C-alpha atoms as a PDB file:
ATOM      1  CA  MET A   1      98.558 100.841  68.825  1.00  0.00           C
ATOM      2  CA  ASN A   2      95.771 101.653  71.278  1.00  0.00           C
ATOM      3  CA  VAL A   3      96.326 100.733  74.938  1.00  0.00           C
ATOM      4  CA  GLN A   4      93.585 101.068  77.592  1.00  0.00           C
ATOM      5  CA  TRP A   5      92.834  99.168  80.804  1.00  0.00           C
ATOM      6  CA  TYR A   6      90.407 100.421  83.449  1.00  0.00           C
ATOM      7  CA  PRO A   7      88.693  97.619  85.416  1.00  0.00           C
ATOM      8  CA  GLY A   8      85.529  98.455  87.364  1.00  0.00           C
ATOM      9  CA  HIS A   9      87.112  98.162  90.834  1.00  0.00           C
ATOM     10  CA  MET A  10      89.303 101.191  90.050  1.00  0.00           C
ATOM     11  CA  THR A  11      86.322 103.588  90.004  1.00  0.00           C
ATOM     12  CA  LYS A  12      85.285 102.348  93.445  1.00  0.00           C
ATOM     13  CA  ALA A  13      88.864 102.597  94.713  1.00  0.00           C
ATOM     14  CA  LYS A  14      89.133 106.211  93.569  1.00  0.00           C
ATOM     15  CA  ARG A  15      85.904 107.141  95.385  1.00  0.00           C
ATOM     16  CA  GLN A  16      87.227 105.473  98.552  1.00  0.00           C
ATOM     17  CA  MET A  17      90.478 107.451  98.292  1.00  0.00           C
ATOM     18  CA  GLN A  18      88.508 110.708  98.066  1.00  0.00           C
ATOM     19  CA  GLU A  19      86.902 109.766 101.392  1.00  0.00           C
ATOM     20  CA  ASP A  20      90.124 108.644 103.078  1.00  0.00           C
ATOM     21  CA  ILE A  21      92.160 111.677 102.059  1.00  0.00           C
ATOM     22  CA  LYS A  22      90.566 113.644 104.920  1.00  0.00           C
ATOM     23  CA  LEU A  23      92.348 111.390 107.429  1.00  0.00           C
ATOM     24  CA  ILE A  24      95.767 111.769 105.837  1.00  0.00           C
ATOM     25  CA  ASP A  25      98.824 113.940 106.602  1.00  0.00           C
ATOM     26  CA  LEU A  26     101.057 112.740 103.790  1.00  0.00           C
ATOM     27  CA  ILE A  27     100.689 111.080 100.387  1.00  0.00           C
ATOM     28  CA  ILE A  28     103.484 108.662  99.487  1.00  0.00           C
ATOM     29  CA  GLU A  29     103.291 108.156  95.738  1.00  0.00           C
ATOM     30  CA  LEU A  30     105.264 105.350  94.128  1.00  0.00           C
ATOM     31  CA  VAL A  31     106.257 105.804  90.513  1.00  0.00           C
ATOM     32  CA  ASP A  32     108.234 103.452  88.281  1.00  0.00           C
ATOM     33  CA  ALA A  33     111.673 105.047  87.855  1.00  0.00           C
ATOM     34  CA  ARG A  34     111.805 103.791  84.247  1.00  0.00           C
ATOM     35  CA  VAL A  35     108.677 105.816  83.338  1.00  0.00           C
ATOM     36  CA  PRO A  36     108.282 108.406  86.133  1.00  0.00           C
ATOM     37  CA  LEU A  37     105.802 110.739  84.451  1.00  0.00           C
ATOM     38  CA  SER A  38     103.790 108.088  82.624  1.00  0.00           C
ATOM     39  CA  SER A  39     103.403 106.102  85.869  1.00  0.00           C
ATOM     40  CA  ARG A  40     101.896 109.056  87.751  1.00  0.00           C
ATOM     41  CA  ASN A  41      98.121 109.099  87.899  1.00  0.00           C
ATOM     42  CA  PRO A  42      97.124 112.725  87.127  1.00  0.00           C
ATOM     43  CA  ASP A  43      94.121 112.350  89.478  1.00  0.00           C
ATOM     44  CA  ILE A  44      96.475 112.063  92.492  1.00  0.00           C
ATOM     45  CA  ASP A  45      97.524 115.735  92.296  1.00  0.00           C
ATOM     46  CA  GLU A  46      93.877 116.763  92.414  1.00  0.00           C
ATOM     47  CA  LEU A  47      93.117 114.367  95.281  1.00  0.00           C
ATOM     48  CA  GLY A  48      96.191 115.426  97.244  1.00  0.00           C
ATOM     49  CA  LYS A  49      95.902 119.198  97.106  1.00  0.00           C
ATOM     50  CA  ASN A  50      97.178 120.794 100.356  1.00  0.00           C
ATOM     51  CA  LYS A  51      98.779 117.541 101.566  1.00  0.00           C
ATOM     52  CA  SER A  52     102.485 116.905 102.048  1.00  0.00           C
ATOM     53  CA  ARG A  53     103.822 114.850  99.146  1.00  0.00           C
ATOM     54  CA  LEU A  54     106.591 112.296  98.863  1.00  0.00           C
ATOM     55  CA  ILE A  55     107.472 110.624  95.558  1.00  0.00           C
ATOM     56  CA  LEU A  56     109.382 107.336  95.642  1.00  0.00           C
ATOM     57  CA  LEU A  57     111.235 106.552  92.427  1.00  0.00           C
ATOM     58  CA  ASN A  58     110.782 102.794  92.815  1.00  0.00           C
ATOM     59  CA  LYS A  59     112.659 100.150  90.787  1.00  0.00           C
ATOM     60  CA  SER A  60     115.425 102.751  90.471  1.00  0.00           C
ATOM     61  CA  ASP A  61     117.942  99.886  90.212  1.00  0.00           C
ATOM     62  CA  LEU A  62     116.413  99.032  86.801  1.00  0.00           C
ATOM     63  CA  ALA A  63     116.503 102.632  85.532  1.00  0.00           C
ATOM     64  CA  ASP A  64     119.312 104.685  84.029  1.00  0.00           C
ATOM     65  CA  GLU A  65     121.086 106.341  86.999  1.00  0.00           C
ATOM     66  CA  ARG A  66     121.629 109.659  85.180  1.00  0.00           C
ATOM     67  CA  GLN A  67     117.910 109.796  84.521  1.00  0.00           C
ATOM     68  CA  ASN A  68     117.104 108.877  88.144  1.00  0.00           C
ATOM     69  CA  GLU A  69     119.029 111.969  89.238  1.00  0.00           C
ATOM     70  CA  ALA A  70     117.426 114.123  86.540  1.00  0.00           C
ATOM     71  CA  TRP A  71     113.912 113.004  87.588  1.00  0.00           C
ATOM     72  CA  LYS A  72     114.707 113.572  91.269  1.00  0.00           C
ATOM     73  CA  THR A  73     115.727 117.161  90.461  1.00  0.00           C
ATOM     74  CA  TYR A  74     112.636 117.616  88.263  1.00  0.00           C
ATOM     75  CA  PHE A  75     110.154 116.538  90.993  1.00  0.00           C
ATOM     76  CA  GLN A  76     111.959 118.439  93.755  1.00  0.00           C
ATOM     77  CA  ALA A  77     111.669 121.604  91.660  1.00  0.00           C
ATOM     78  CA  LYS A  78     107.894 121.043  91.687  1.00  0.00           C
ATOM     79  CA  GLY A  79     107.799 120.920  95.494  1.00  0.00           C
ATOM     80  CA  PHE A  80     107.830 117.165  96.124  1.00  0.00           C
ATOM     81  CA  TYR A  81     110.088 115.312  98.516  1.00  0.00           C
ATOM     82  CA  VAL A  82     111.813 112.546  96.520  1.00  0.00           C
ATOM     83  CA  VAL A  83     113.649 109.331  97.426  1.00  0.00           C
ATOM     84  CA  LYS A  84     115.126 106.786  95.006  1.00  0.00           C
ATOM     85  CA  VAL A  85     114.307 103.268  96.196  1.00  0.00           C
ATOM     86  CA  ASP A  86     114.372  99.642  95.201  1.00  0.00           C
ATOM     87  CA  SER A  87     111.786  98.119  97.499  1.00  0.00           C
ATOM     88  CA  ARG A  88     112.677  94.537  96.558  1.00  0.00           C
ATOM     89  CA  ASN A  89     116.223  94.661  97.907  1.00  0.00           C
ATOM     90  CA  GLY A  90     115.633  97.496 100.368  1.00  0.00           C
ATOM     91  CA  SER A  91     118.006 100.097  98.935  1.00  0.00           C
ATOM     92  CA  GLY A  92     117.025 103.674  99.785  1.00  0.00           C
ATOM     93  CA  MET A  93     114.507 102.532 102.439  1.00  0.00           C
ATOM     94  CA  LYS A  94     116.488 103.799 105.442  1.00  0.00           C
ATOM     95  CA  ALA A  95     116.194 107.390 104.230  1.00  0.00           C
ATOM     96  CA  ILE A  96     112.387 107.332 104.084  1.00  0.00           C
ATOM     97  CA  ASN A  97     111.583 107.728 107.789  1.00  0.00           C
ATOM     98  CA  ASN A  98     113.615 110.930 108.068  1.00  0.00           C
ATOM     99  CA  VAL A  99     112.057 112.313 104.892  1.00  0.00           C
ATOM    100  CA  ILE A 100     108.543 111.561 106.237  1.00  0.00           C
ATOM    101  CA  GLN A 101     109.376 113.524 109.409  1.00  0.00           C
ATOM    102  CA  GLU A 102     110.779 116.380 107.331  1.00  0.00           C
ATOM    103  CA  ALA A 103     107.762 116.435 104.987  1.00  0.00           C
ATOM    104  CA  CYS A 104     105.357 116.571 107.958  1.00  0.00           C
ATOM    105  CA  LYS A 105     107.318 118.845 110.258  1.00  0.00           C
ATOM    106  CA  GLU A 106     104.682 121.618 110.087  1.00  0.00           C
ATOM    107  CA  LYS A 107     101.991 119.143 111.146  1.00  0.00           C
ATOM    108  CA  ILE A 108     104.194 117.807 113.994  1.00  0.00           C
ATOM    109  CA  GLU A 109     104.871 121.372 115.123  1.00  0.00           C
ATOM    110  CA  ARG A 110     101.143 122.220 114.974  1.00  0.00           C
ATOM    111  CA  ASP A 111     100.336 119.182 117.128  1.00  0.00           C
ATOM    112  CA  ARG A 112     103.039 120.158 119.617  1.00  0.00           C
ATOM    113  CA  ARG A 113     101.617 123.677 119.959  1.00  0.00           C
ATOM    114  CA  ARG A 114      98.187 122.202 120.656  1.00  0.00           C
ATOM    115  CA  GLY A 115      99.671 119.902 123.286  1.00  0.00           C
ATOM    116  CA  ILE A 116      99.153 116.759 121.171  1.00  0.00           C
ATOM    117  CA  LYS A 117     102.145 114.471 121.598  1.00  0.00           C
ATOM    118  CA  ASN A 118     103.078 111.345 119.676  1.00  0.00           C
ATOM    119  CA  ARG A 119     100.096 111.345 117.310  1.00  0.00           C
ATOM    120  CA  PRO A 120     101.298 109.149 114.444  1.00  0.00           C
ATOM    121  CA  ILE A 121     101.728 110.578 110.962  1.00  0.00           C
ATOM    122  CA  ARG A 122      99.118 109.010 108.719  1.00  0.00           C
ATOM    123  CA  ALA A 123     100.374 108.385 105.210  1.00  0.00           C
ATOM    124  CA  MET A 124      98.444 107.082 102.219  1.00  0.00           C
ATOM    125  CA  VAL A 125     100.450 104.933  99.805  1.00  0.00           C
ATOM    126  CA  VAL A 126      99.277 105.443  96.244  1.00  0.00           C
ATOM    127  CA  GLY A 127     100.361 104.441  92.764  1.00  0.00           C
ATOM    128  CA  ILE A 128      99.271 102.755  89.597  1.00  0.00           C
ATOM    129  CA  PRO A 129      99.094  98.924  89.321  1.00  0.00           C
ATOM    130  CA  ASN A 130     102.303  96.888  89.554  1.00  0.00           C
ATOM    131  CA  VAL A 131     104.463  99.832  90.603  1.00  0.00           C
ATOM    132  CA  GLY A 132     105.501  97.956  93.765  1.00  0.00           C
ATOM    133  CA  LYS A 133     103.330  99.443  96.542  1.00  0.00           C
ATOM    134  CA  SER A 134     102.780  96.215  98.480  1.00  0.00           C
ATOM    135  CA  THR A 135     106.441  95.182  98.198  1.00  0.00           C
ATOM    136  CA  PHE A 136     107.441  98.645  99.435  1.00  0.00           C
ATOM    137  CA  ILE A 137     105.098  98.418 102.440  1.00  0.00           C
ATOM    138  CA  ASN A 138     106.307  94.938 103.363  1.00  0.00           C
ATOM    139  CA  THR A 139     109.972  95.932 103.105  1.00  0.00           C
ATOM    140  CA  PHE A 140     109.372  99.194 104.970  1.00  0.00           C
ATOM    141  CA  ALA A 141     107.428  97.477 107.739  1.00  0.00           C
ATOM    142  CA  GLY A 142     109.844  94.557 107.846  1.00  0.00           C
ATOM    143  CA  ARG A 143     107.125  91.950 107.632  1.00  0.00           C
ATOM    144  CA  ALA A 144     104.619  90.652 105.125  1.00  0.00           C
ATOM    145  CA  CYS A 145     101.616  92.762 106.032  1.00  0.00           C
ATOM    146  CA  ALA A 146     100.339  93.729 102.579  1.00  0.00           C
ATOM    147  CA  LYS A 147      99.423  91.238  99.881  1.00  0.00           C
ATOM    148  CA  THR A 148     101.934  91.264  97.045  1.00  0.00           C
ATOM    149  CA  GLY A 149     101.867  89.957  93.515  1.00  0.00           C
ATOM    150  CA  ASN A 150     103.754  90.635  90.317  1.00  0.00           C
ATOM    151  CA  LYS A 151     100.523  91.041  88.365  1.00  0.00           C
ATOM    152  CA  PRO A 152      98.704  94.376  88.265  1.00  0.00           C
ATOM    153  CA  GLY A 153      95.560  94.535  90.385  1.00  0.00           C
ATOM    154  CA  VAL A 154      96.425  92.307  93.394  1.00  0.00           C
ATOM    155  CA  THR A 155      95.510  94.859  96.089  1.00  0.00           C
ATOM    156  CA  LYS A 156      91.723  95.372  95.812  1.00  0.00           C
ATOM    157  CA  GLY A 157      90.723  96.831  99.214  1.00  0.00           C
ATOM    158  CA  LYS A 158      92.290  99.285 101.644  1.00  0.00           C
ATOM    159  CA  GLN A 159      94.213  98.374 104.791  1.00  0.00           C
ATOM    160  CA  TRP A 160      95.871 100.364 107.585  1.00  0.00           C
ATOM    161  CA  ILE A 161      99.339  99.245 108.632  1.00  0.00           C
ATOM    162  CA  ARG A 162     101.016 100.497 111.790  1.00  0.00           C
ATOM    163  CA  LEU A 163     104.731 100.765 111.104  1.00  0.00           C
ATOM    164  CA  ASN A 164     105.904 102.127 114.439  1.00  0.00           C
ATOM    165  CA  LYS A 165     104.705 104.609 117.020  1.00  0.00           C
ATOM    166  CA  GLY A 166     105.321 107.458 114.613  1.00  0.00           C
ATOM    167  CA  VAL A 167     103.849 106.335 111.286  1.00  0.00           C
ATOM    168  CA  GLU A 168     100.702 104.587 110.068  1.00  0.00           C
ATOM    169  CA  LEU A 169     100.284 103.676 106.409  1.00  0.00           C
ATOM    170  CA  LEU A 170      97.079 103.290 104.452  1.00  0.00           C
ATOM    171  CA  ASP A 171      97.567 100.915 101.537  1.00  0.00           C
ATOM    172  CA  THR A 172      95.278 101.524  98.565  1.00  0.00           C
ATOM    173  CA  PRO A 173      94.596  99.562  95.369  1.00  0.00           C
ATOM    174  CA  GLY A 174      96.506 100.604  92.264  1.00  0.00           C
ATOM    175  CA  ILE A 175      94.394 102.898  90.133  1.00  0.00           C
ATOM    176  CA  LEU A 176      94.876 104.008  86.558  1.00  0.00           C
ATOM    177  CA  TRP A 177      92.834 106.780  84.985  1.00  0.00           C
ATOM    178  CA  PRO A 178      89.984 106.174  82.529  1.00  0.00           C
ATOM    179  CA  LYS A 179      91.681 107.387  79.336  1.00  0.00           C
ATOM    180  CA  PHE A 180      95.292 107.924  78.295  1.00  0.00           C
ATOM    181  CA  GLU A 181      95.294 111.231  76.419  1.00  0.00           C
ATOM    182  CA  ASP A 182      98.714 110.385  74.992  1.00  0.00           C
ATOM    183  CA  GLN A 183      99.006 106.859  73.606  1.00  0.00           C
ATOM    184  CA  GLN A 184     102.765 106.919  74.269  1.00  0.00           C
ATOM    185  CA  VAL A 185     101.874 106.853  77.992  1.00  0.00           C
ATOM    186  CA  GLY A 186      99.860 103.655  77.511  1.00  0.00           C
ATOM    187  CA  ILE A 187     102.680 102.070  75.498  1.00  0.00           C
ATOM    188  CA  ARG A 188     105.325 102.903  78.123  1.00  0.00           C
ATOM    189  CA  LEU A 189     103.107 101.525  80.908  1.00  0.00           C
ATOM    190  CA  ALA A 190     102.526  98.361  78.876  1.00  0.00           C
ATOM    191  CA  CYS A 191     106.299  97.948  78.441  1.00  0.00           C
ATOM    192  CA  VAL A 192     107.006  98.022  82.187  1.00  0.00           C
ATOM    193  CA  GLY A 193     104.112  95.661  83.010  1.00  0.00           C
ATOM    194  CA  SER A 194     101.549  98.049  84.531  1.00  0.00           C
ATOM    195  CA  ILE A 195      98.902  96.846  82.061  1.00  0.00           C
ATOM    196  CA  LYS A 196      98.037  93.174  81.764  1.00  0.00           C
ATOM    197  CA  ASP A 197     100.061  91.494  79.016  1.00  0.00           C
ATOM    198  CA  ASP A 198      97.141  89.313  77.944  1.00  0.00           C
ATOM    199  CA  ILE A 199      95.155  92.301  76.631  1.00  0.00           C
ATOM    200  CA  LEU A 200      98.136  93.611  74.618  1.00  0.00           C
ATOM    201  CA  ASN A 201      99.636  92.905  71.226  1.00  0.00           C
ATOM    202  CA  MET A 202     103.067  91.968  72.576  1.00  0.00           C
ATOM    203  CA  GLU A 203     104.686  91.687  69.141  1.00  0.00           C
ATOM    204  CA  GLU A 204     103.679  95.218  68.193  1.00  0.00           C
ATOM    205  CA  LEU A 205     104.882  96.421  71.588  1.00  0.00           C
ATOM    206  CA  ALA A 206     108.214  94.618  71.039  1.00  0.00           C
ATOM    207  CA  LEU A 207     108.734  96.547  67.778  1.00  0.00           C
ATOM    208  CA  TRP A 208     108.176  99.834  69.642  1.00  0.00           C
ATOM    209  CA  LEU A 209     110.709  98.820  72.320  1.00  0.00           C
ATOM    210  CA  ILE A 210     113.281  97.743  69.701  1.00  0.00           C
ATOM    211  CA  ASP A 211     112.994 101.135  67.950  1.00  0.00           C
ATOM    212  CA  TYR A 212     113.297 102.992  71.260  1.00  0.00           C
ATOM    213  CA  LEU A 213     116.356 101.009  72.368  1.00  0.00           C
ATOM    214  CA  ARG A 214     118.120 101.425  69.010  1.00  0.00           C
ATOM    215  CA  GLU A 215     117.596 105.172  69.193  1.00  0.00           C
ATOM    216  CA  ASN A 216     118.433 105.759  72.868  1.00  0.00           C
ATOM    217  CA  TYR A 217     120.594 102.809  73.959  1.00  0.00           C
ATOM    218  CA  LYS A 218     122.515 101.941  70.820  1.00  0.00           C
ATOM    219  CA  GLY A 219     124.270  98.594  70.932  1.00  0.00           C
ATOM    220  CA  ILE A 220     122.341  97.170  73.898  1.00  0.00           C
ATOM    221  CA  LEU A 221     120.376  94.674  71.758  1.00  0.00           C
ATOM    222  CA  ALA A 222     123.472  93.711  69.756  1.00  0.00           C
ATOM    223  CA  GLU A 223     125.330  92.959  72.980  1.00  0.00           C
ATOM    224  CA  ARG A 224     122.503  91.044  74.658  1.00  0.00           C
ATOM    225  CA  TYR A 225     121.568  88.814  71.713  1.00  0.00           C
ATOM    226  CA  GLN A 226     124.790  88.852  69.659  1.00  0.00           C
ATOM    227  CA  ILE A 227     122.918  90.205  66.634  1.00  0.00           C
ATOM    228  CA  THR A 228     123.158  93.183  64.314  1.00  0.00           C
ATOM    229  CA  GLU A 229     120.811  96.117  65.055  1.00  0.00           C
ATOM    230  CA  GLU A 230     120.684  97.154  61.398  1.00  0.00           C
ATOM    231  CA  GLY A 231     117.525  96.916  59.279  1.00  0.00           C
ATOM    232  CA  THR A 232     113.869  97.309  60.250  1.00  0.00           C
ATOM    233  CA  SER A 233     112.543  96.598  63.751  1.00  0.00           C
ATOM    234  CA  VAL A 234     110.856  93.462  62.325  1.00  0.00           C
ATOM    235  CA  GLU A 235     114.236  92.239  61.072  1.00  0.00           C
ATOM    236  CA  VAL A 236     115.760  92.846  64.502  1.00  0.00           C
ATOM    237  CA  LEU A 237     112.921  90.861  66.145  1.00  0.00           C
ATOM    238  CA  GLU A 238     113.585  88.087  63.603  1.00  0.00           C
ATOM    239  CA  ALA A 239     117.263  88.131  64.570  1.00  0.00           C
ATOM    240  CA  ILE A 240     116.352  87.854  68.282  1.00  0.00           C
ATOM    241  CA  ALA A 241     114.021  84.927  67.472  1.00  0.00           C
ATOM    242  CA  ARG A 242     116.842  83.153  65.618  1.00  0.00           C
ATOM    243  CA  ALA A 243     119.411  83.907  68.328  1.00  0.00           C
ATOM    244  CA  ARG A 244     117.144  82.488  71.011  1.00  0.00           C
ATOM    245  CA  GLY A 245     115.900  79.502  68.963  1.00  0.00           C
ATOM    246  CA  CYS A 246     112.267  80.684  68.874  1.00  0.00           C
ATOM    247  CA  LEU A 247     110.941  78.352  66.186  1.00  0.00           C
ATOM    248  CA  LYS A 248     107.542  76.847  65.398  1.00  0.00           C
ATOM    249  CA  LYS A 249     107.080  73.783  63.199  1.00  0.00           C
ATOM    250  CA  GLN A 250     108.705  73.814  59.739  1.00  0.00           C
ATOM    251  CA  GLU A 251     111.409  76.167  61.060  1.00  0.00           C
ATOM    252  CA  GLU A 252     108.970  79.119  61.108  1.00  0.00           C
ATOM    253  CA  LEU A 253     110.080  81.909  63.458  1.00  0.00           C
ATOM    254  CA  ASP A 254     108.011  82.391  66.615  1.00  0.00           C
ATOM    255  CA  TYR A 255     107.702  86.185  66.979  1.00  0.00           C
ATOM    256  CA  ALA A 256     105.414  85.943  70.013  1.00  0.00           C
ATOM    257  CA  LYS A 257     107.976  83.907  71.954  1.00  0.00           C
ATOM    258  CA  ALA A 258     110.826  86.251  70.931  1.00  0.00           C
ATOM    259  CA  SER A 259     108.740  89.242  72.087  1.00  0.00           C
ATOM    260  CA  LEU A 260     108.190  87.662  75.515  1.00  0.00           C
ATOM    261  CA  ILE A 261     111.935  86.981  75.869  1.00  0.00           C
ATOM    262  CA  LEU A 262     112.665  90.620  74.963  1.00  0.00           C
ATOM    263  CA  PHE A 263     110.235  91.897  77.620  1.00  0.00           C
ATOM    264  CA  ASP A 264     111.446  89.461  80.245  1.00  0.00           C
ATOM    265  CA  ASP A 265     115.022  90.647  79.680  1.00  0.00           C
ATOM    266  CA  PHE A 266     114.009  94.325  79.735  1.00  0.00           C
ATOM    267  CA  ARG A 267     111.753  94.110  82.808  1.00  0.00           C
ATOM    268  CA  SER A 268     114.201  92.076  84.856  1.00  0.00           C
ATOM    269  CA  GLY A 269     117.157  94.351  84.102  1.00  0.00           C
ATOM    270  CA  LYS A 270     119.118  91.682  82.209  1.00  0.00           C
ATOM    271  CA  MET A 271     119.781  94.176  79.400  1.00  0.00           C
ATOM    272  CA  GLY A 272     121.091  96.779  81.804  1.00  0.00           C
ATOM    273  CA  ARG A 273     119.565  99.930  83.289  1.00  0.00           C
ATOM    274  CA  ILE A 274     117.089 101.522  80.899  1.00  0.00           C
ATOM    275  CA  THR A 275     114.719 104.472  81.273  1.00  0.00           C
ATOM    276  CA  LEU A 276     111.878 104.792  78.753  1.00  0.00           C
ATOM    277  CA  GLU A 277     111.078 108.423  79.509  1.00  0.00           C
ATOM    278  CA  TRP A 278     113.654 111.144  79.923  1.00  0.00           C
ATOM    279  CA  ALA A 279     113.282 114.058  82.328  1.00  0.00           C
ATOM    280  CA  PRO A 280     112.451 117.414  80.728  1.00  0.00           C
ATOM    281  CA  LEU A 281     115.531 119.669  80.766  1.00  0.00           C
END
């Protein structure tokens, strides 16, 4: 299964970020807590050399809590500041201001020595499509100041947002990178909705997810759909289709519909908290 998606506006957005980085004190990078490594654009580390870095494990309410902690430890060991957040319901947001101050304390101290007082910290918010940047900014700012959408690719241009006297945010469009070296990365991103569903083979993707869940979260499918998890992944998808009444004419099973139900349940957390990528030990 080959997954790629790199619309033309992303090249332009990356060039713009290279320009804007000169104005920035801190990079706030949102990653999807269910796929923390796969949802990091490798170009960001290159762009953000010598800048303070904060990683937000967003959608952490949908991810396995043990893995959230493991990923937090993993990124902290690499020198990042890390906060677990769920920007839709606001959990974890209160901690962010203090962490921003902590991450930029050298810059604040430098300003103070030069006699510059109250110059706001300028932070660039980055992340791949559909990781929740605009929702985070709106929740953090307490008002709808960034456009939001649950489809990848809603934010196309940049915008500065003044949060308070101390912090200004630069919102940027979500950018992927031109080629996934590891196809598993593309598959994981497709599962969490960072790649447009309409360019994907959702049935094939559903079989991958079924295999992953049976191996790592045994019993979760059986409990959700009241089915047996035995047999091939195709047989399990058939069982889900039957359990949910996904039928075409002449009683033929509708695999496409069953696949969409599976992804809706996974993405919305109805199956429980699931992480698709485990932190290296």
